[in-house]
Amino acid sequence: MSGVEGKVAIVTGAARGLGRTYCSALARAGATVVAADVNACDETVADVARATGADDRAVAAHLDVTDIDSCRASVATAVETFGRLDVLVNNAALYASLASGPFDTLDEGEWDAAMAVNVTGVWNMCRAAVPAMREVGGGSIINISSLAAVYGLPNALHYTTSKAAVLGITRGLARELGRDWIRVNAVAPSAVATEGTREFFGDDHERVLGAIAKQQALRRNLEPDDVAATIVHLAGDGTRFVTGQTFMVDGGAVTT
């Protein structure tokens, strides 16, 4: 038993990549899911139907995490469709579209956009979701950070800084929301073999991923399912007394 049976989850950034994988993993474990993204999530909903053999385990919602009204609308979709909200996976983030480069050459507009989506977006979704979680006596918020936040990612200070802020949000909210039995944890993966990672590193992606794998105790790159298992674990009742923690899903990153 996964401990997520009967729970209702919102996954942001669910149109592709890790977000799509999280939706299917949660649904296979017994949850129902709102797949939310600024892009269409029809394919994600179809993936969930194939994974579960049921066409009523997921719905799509249009979501712009920089807009609090849009965030509240996605929560309303969860409550109106499935009757409650138990889990929020804050996965939406700018990553693949960000241009890399030395910190003093980064575009100011891209810096602001990364903070708006990756930091303010997490705050907005928490503001929208917490009242619904209080209504059902608690819940689990899972914020997606990155190994970049603690290890450092050269030439991506906008992304690195935004993901470090996610860790601060996680620690602060865990203390604020504990009395409501709302748990707040973070997951910090290493580079995962996704389309977004390939886009971010461009023509260098194979070299970079190879170098990352060599710096891990477990010497292969992460696959989406490697991270999804931790998401399901944190969403379930088996971690009902775990909050304020960061789970490093990084293959045991080392320096040599």
Protein backbone atom coordinates (compact mmCIF):
# COMPACT_ATOMS: atom_id res chain seq x y z
CA MET A 1 0.00 0.00 0.00
CA SER A 2 1.37 3.39 -1.01
CA GLY A 3 -0.59 5.50 1.46
CA VAL A 4 -1.96 7.76 -1.27
CA GLU A 5 -5.12 5.78 -2.01
CA GLY A 6 -8.08 8.12 -2.20
CA LYS A 7 -5.98 11.29 -2.03
CA VAL A 8 -6.36 14.15 -4.48
CA ALA A 9 -3.23 15.79 -5.85
CA ILE A 10 -2.40 18.82 -7.96
CA VAL A 11 0.80 18.58 -9.98
CA THR A 12 2.01 21.83 -11.53
CA GLY A 13 4.15 21.88 -14.64
CA ALA A 14 2.40 18.67 -15.67
CA ALA A 15 2.35 19.03 -19.45
CA ARG A 16 5.55 17.10 -20.03
CA GLY A 17 8.70 15.66 -18.51
CA LEU A 18 8.87 15.07 -14.79
CA GLY A 19 5.47 16.61 -14.12
CA ARG A 20 3.79 14.16 -16.47
CA THR A 21 5.63 11.27 -14.83
CA TYR A 22 4.58 12.42 -11.35
CA CYS A 23 0.93 12.46 -12.42
CA SER A 24 1.03 8.89 -13.72
CA ALA A 25 2.97 7.64 -10.69
CA LEU A 26 0.53 9.18 -8.22
CA ALA A 27 -2.46 7.84 -10.13
CA ARG A 28 -0.99 4.34 -10.31
CA ALA A 29 -0.50 4.50 -6.55
CA GLY A 30 -4.18 5.28 -6.03
CA ALA A 31 -4.51 9.06 -6.12
CA THR A 32 -6.62 11.19 -8.42
CA VAL A 33 -4.78 14.02 -10.08
CA VAL A 34 -5.23 17.51 -11.44
CA ALA A 35 -2.58 17.97 -14.12
CA ALA A 36 -1.98 21.71 -14.24
CA ASP A 37 0.19 23.72 -16.59
CA VAL A 38 0.24 26.85 -18.71
CA ASN A 39 0.46 24.41 -21.64
CA ALA A 40 -2.18 21.83 -22.50
CA CYS A 41 -2.15 18.67 -20.37
CA ASP A 42 -4.32 16.48 -22.58
CA GLU A 43 -1.46 14.05 -23.23
CA THR A 44 -0.75 13.80 -19.51
CA VAL A 45 -4.38 12.93 -18.80
CA ALA A 46 -4.21 10.30 -21.56
CA ASP A 47 -1.04 8.87 -20.00
CA VAL A 48 -2.81 8.54 -16.66
CA ALA A 49 -5.73 6.75 -18.32
CA ARG A 50 -3.34 4.30 -19.96
CA ALA A 51 -1.40 3.78 -16.75
CA THR A 52 -4.47 3.12 -14.61
CA GLY A 53 -6.95 1.68 -17.09
CA ALA A 54 -9.45 4.34 -15.99
CA ASP A 55 -10.47 7.61 -17.60
CA ASP A 56 -11.60 9.34 -14.40
CA ARG A 57 -8.32 9.50 -12.48
CA ALA A 58 -7.05 12.81 -13.86
CA VAL A 59 -8.29 16.10 -15.24
CA ALA A 60 -6.39 18.92 -16.88
CA ALA A 61 -6.35 22.50 -15.66
CA HIS A 62 -4.84 25.57 -17.27
CA LEU A 63 -2.49 27.15 -14.75
CA ASP A 64 -0.24 30.19 -14.71
CA VAL A 65 1.58 29.99 -11.38
CA THR A 66 2.52 33.67 -11.56
CA ASP A 67 -1.20 34.56 -11.34
CA ILE A 68 -2.80 33.91 -7.93
CA ASP A 69 -6.29 33.81 -9.44
CA SER A 70 -5.19 31.08 -11.83
CA CYS A 71 -3.71 29.16 -8.89
CA ARG A 72 -6.95 29.42 -6.95
CA ALA A 73 -8.87 28.25 -10.01
CA SER A 74 -6.75 25.09 -10.22
CA VAL A 75 -7.49 24.35 -6.57
CA ALA A 76 -11.19 24.93 -7.23
CA THR A 77 -10.96 22.41 -10.08
CA ALA A 78 -9.58 19.81 -7.67
CA VAL A 79 -12.24 20.43 -5.05
CA GLU A 80 -15.15 20.66 -7.48
CA THR A 81 -14.09 17.59 -9.46
CA PHE A 82 -12.80 15.28 -6.75
CA GLY A 83 -14.19 16.78 -3.53
CA ARG A 84 -10.96 17.69 -1.72
CA LEU A 85 -7.25 18.47 -1.98
CA ASP A 86 -4.58 16.50 -0.12
CA VAL A 87 -1.35 16.86 -2.07
CA LEU A 88 0.37 19.67 -3.95
CA VAL A 89 3.46 19.01 -6.06
CA ASN A 90 5.08 22.33 -6.93
CA ASN A 91 6.92 21.24 -10.05
CA ALA A 92 6.35 24.15 -12.45
CA ALA A 93 9.60 25.95 -13.18
CA LEU A 94 11.55 27.73 -15.86
CA TYR A 95 14.57 25.63 -16.77
CA ALA A 96 14.86 24.47 -20.35
CA SER A 97 14.11 27.91 -21.77
CA LEU A 98 16.70 29.75 -19.65
CA ALA A 99 19.88 30.85 -21.40
CA SER A 100 23.04 29.86 -19.56
CA GLY A 101 26.10 32.05 -19.17
CA PRO A 102 28.37 33.81 -16.68
CA PHE A 103 26.40 35.42 -13.87
CA ASP A 104 27.13 38.98 -15.00
CA THR A 105 25.92 38.33 -18.54
CA LEU A 106 22.55 36.83 -17.68
CA ASP A 107 19.55 38.65 -19.07
CA GLU A 108 17.73 40.65 -16.41
CA GLY A 109 14.37 39.75 -17.87
CA GLU A 110 15.20 36.04 -17.64
CA TRP A 111 16.34 36.51 -14.04
CA ASP A 112 13.02 38.13 -13.16
CA ALA A 113 11.06 35.45 -15.03
CA ALA A 114 12.89 32.65 -13.21
CA MET A 115 12.06 34.23 -9.86
CA ALA A 116 8.44 34.85 -10.86
CA VAL A 117 7.80 31.24 -11.87
CA ASN A 118 10.21 29.23 -9.73
CA VAL A 119 9.81 31.18 -6.47
CA THR A 120 6.67 33.33 -6.53
CA GLY A 121 4.85 30.51 -8.33
CA VAL A 122 5.53 28.15 -5.42
CA TRP A 123 4.34 30.77 -2.94
CA ASN A 124 1.20 31.42 -4.98
CA MET A 125 0.26 27.76 -5.21
CA CYS A 126 0.79 27.28 -1.48
CA ARG A 127 -1.41 30.30 -0.77
CA ALA A 128 -4.10 28.82 -3.00
CA ALA A 129 -3.88 25.23 -1.74
CA VAL A 130 -3.50 25.58 2.02
CA PRO A 131 -7.12 26.62 2.76
CA ALA A 132 -8.42 23.49 0.98
CA MET A 133 -5.95 21.31 2.89
CA ARG A 134 -7.03 22.85 6.18
CA GLU A 135 -10.60 21.92 5.30
CA VAL A 136 -9.67 18.21 5.24
CA GLY A 137 -7.40 18.29 8.27
CA GLY A 138 -3.98 18.37 6.63
CA GLY A 139 -2.00 17.54 3.55
CA SER A 140 1.37 17.24 1.91
CA ILE A 141 3.15 19.94 -0.07
CA ILE A 142 6.12 18.73 -2.10
CA ASN A 143 8.34 21.44 -3.54
CA ILE A 144 10.71 20.52 -6.36
CA SER A 145 14.13 22.06 -5.84
CA SER A 146 17.37 20.87 -7.41
CA LEU A 147 20.85 19.64 -6.61
CA ALA A 148 21.89 22.98 -8.13
CA ALA A 149 20.61 24.72 -5.00
CA VAL A 150 23.12 23.03 -2.70
CA TYR A 151 25.89 21.90 -5.07
CA GLY A 152 25.99 24.91 -7.36
CA LEU A 153 25.42 24.98 -11.10
CA PRO A 154 27.91 27.21 -12.95
CA ASN A 155 26.53 29.57 -15.56
CA ALA A 156 22.98 29.24 -14.29
CA LEU A 157 22.80 31.56 -11.32
CA HIS A 158 19.18 32.49 -12.03
CA TYR A 159 18.08 28.85 -11.86
CA THR A 160 20.38 27.99 -8.95
CA THR A 161 19.19 30.95 -6.89
CA SER A 162 15.53 30.25 -7.54
CA LYS A 163 15.88 26.62 -6.48
CA ALA A 164 17.74 27.65 -3.32
CA ALA A 165 14.79 29.90 -2.47
CA VAL A 166 12.50 26.87 -2.77
CA LEU A 167 14.44 25.25 0.09
CA GLY A 168 13.84 28.34 2.23
CA ILE A 169 10.14 28.29 1.43
CA THR A 170 10.04 24.63 2.40
CA ARG A 171 11.69 25.13 5.79
CA GLY A 172 9.69 28.22 6.67
CA LEU A 173 6.30 26.85 5.63
CA ALA A 174 6.91 23.54 7.40
CA ARG A 175 7.16 25.46 10.67
CA GLU A 176 4.15 27.65 9.91
CA LEU A 177 1.82 24.87 8.80
CA GLY A 178 2.67 22.08 11.20
CA ARG A 179 -0.20 22.92 13.53
CA ASP A 180 -2.53 22.40 10.59
CA TRP A 181 -0.95 18.96 9.94
CA ILE A 182 0.20 20.17 6.56
CA ARG A 183 3.62 18.75 5.83
CA VAL A 184 6.04 20.62 3.58
CA ASN A 185 9.06 18.87 2.10
CA ALA A 186 11.39 19.37 -0.86
CA VAL A 187 12.89 17.02 -3.40
CA ALA A 188 16.21 18.01 -4.96
CA PRO A 189 17.13 15.84 -7.96
CA SER A 190 20.35 15.80 -9.89
CA ALA A 191 20.07 16.27 -13.64
CA VAL A 192 17.32 14.00 -14.90
CA ALA A 193 17.29 12.58 -18.41
CA THR A 194 14.35 14.59 -19.75
CA GLU A 195 13.61 16.71 -22.78
CA GLY A 196 14.01 19.83 -20.65
CA THR A 197 17.51 18.85 -19.54
CA ARG A 198 18.52 18.21 -23.13
CA GLU A 199 17.17 21.62 -24.14
CA PHE A 200 18.94 23.41 -21.30
CA PHE A 201 22.38 21.96 -22.02
CA GLY A 202 21.90 21.93 -25.79
CA ASP A 203 24.64 20.30 -27.86
CA ASP A 204 26.65 19.70 -24.67
CA HIS A 205 23.96 17.66 -22.96
CA GLU A 206 25.58 14.24 -23.44
CA ARG A 207 28.94 15.48 -22.18
CA VAL A 208 27.39 17.27 -19.21
CA LEU A 209 25.17 14.35 -18.23
CA GLY A 210 28.12 12.01 -18.47
CA ALA A 211 30.21 14.26 -16.22
CA ILE A 212 27.38 14.47 -13.69
CA ALA A 213 26.98 10.70 -13.59
CA LYS A 214 30.71 10.27 -12.96
CA GLN A 215 30.41 12.50 -9.88
CA GLN A 216 27.73 10.28 -8.36
CA ALA A 217 28.17 7.25 -6.16
CA LEU A 218 25.50 5.57 -8.31
CA ARG A 219 26.97 6.14 -11.72
CA ARG A 220 24.10 6.63 -14.08
CA ASN A 221 21.83 9.57 -14.76
CA LEU A 222 18.48 9.78 -13.07
CA GLU A 223 15.37 8.76 -14.95
CA PRO A 224 11.99 10.37 -14.23
CA ASP A 225 10.71 7.29 -12.39
CA ASP A 226 13.65 7.53 -9.95
CA VAL A 227 12.30 10.87 -8.75
CA ALA A 228 8.62 9.95 -9.01
CA ALA A 229 9.03 7.20 -6.41
CA THR A 230 10.11 9.79 -3.85
CA ILE A 231 7.18 12.03 -4.76
CA VAL A 232 4.72 9.19 -4.12
CA HIS A 233 6.45 8.39 -0.84
CA LEU A 234 6.17 11.98 0.42
CA ALA A 235 2.55 12.22 -0.71
CA GLY A 236 1.57 9.14 1.27
CA ASP A 237 0.77 8.41 4.87
CA GLY A 238 4.08 6.62 5.37
CA THR A 239 5.73 10.04 5.75
CA ARG A 240 2.98 11.52 7.91
CA PHE A 241 5.53 12.65 10.53
CA VAL A 242 8.12 14.02 8.10
CA THR A 243 8.21 17.74 7.41
CA GLY A 244 10.70 20.48 6.62
CA GLN A 245 13.11 18.05 4.96
CA THR A 246 14.95 18.07 1.65
CA PHE A 247 15.31 14.72 -0.07
CA MET A 248 18.39 14.61 -2.27
CA VAL A 249 17.62 12.29 -5.18
CA ASP A 250 21.02 12.64 -6.76
CA GLY A 251 22.66 9.22 -6.91
CA GLY A 252 24.93 10.19 -4.04
CA ALA A 253 26.64 13.20 -5.56
CA VAL A 254 30.33 13.32 -4.65
CA THR A 255 33.26 15.49 -5.70
CA THR A 256 35.62 12.84 -7.05
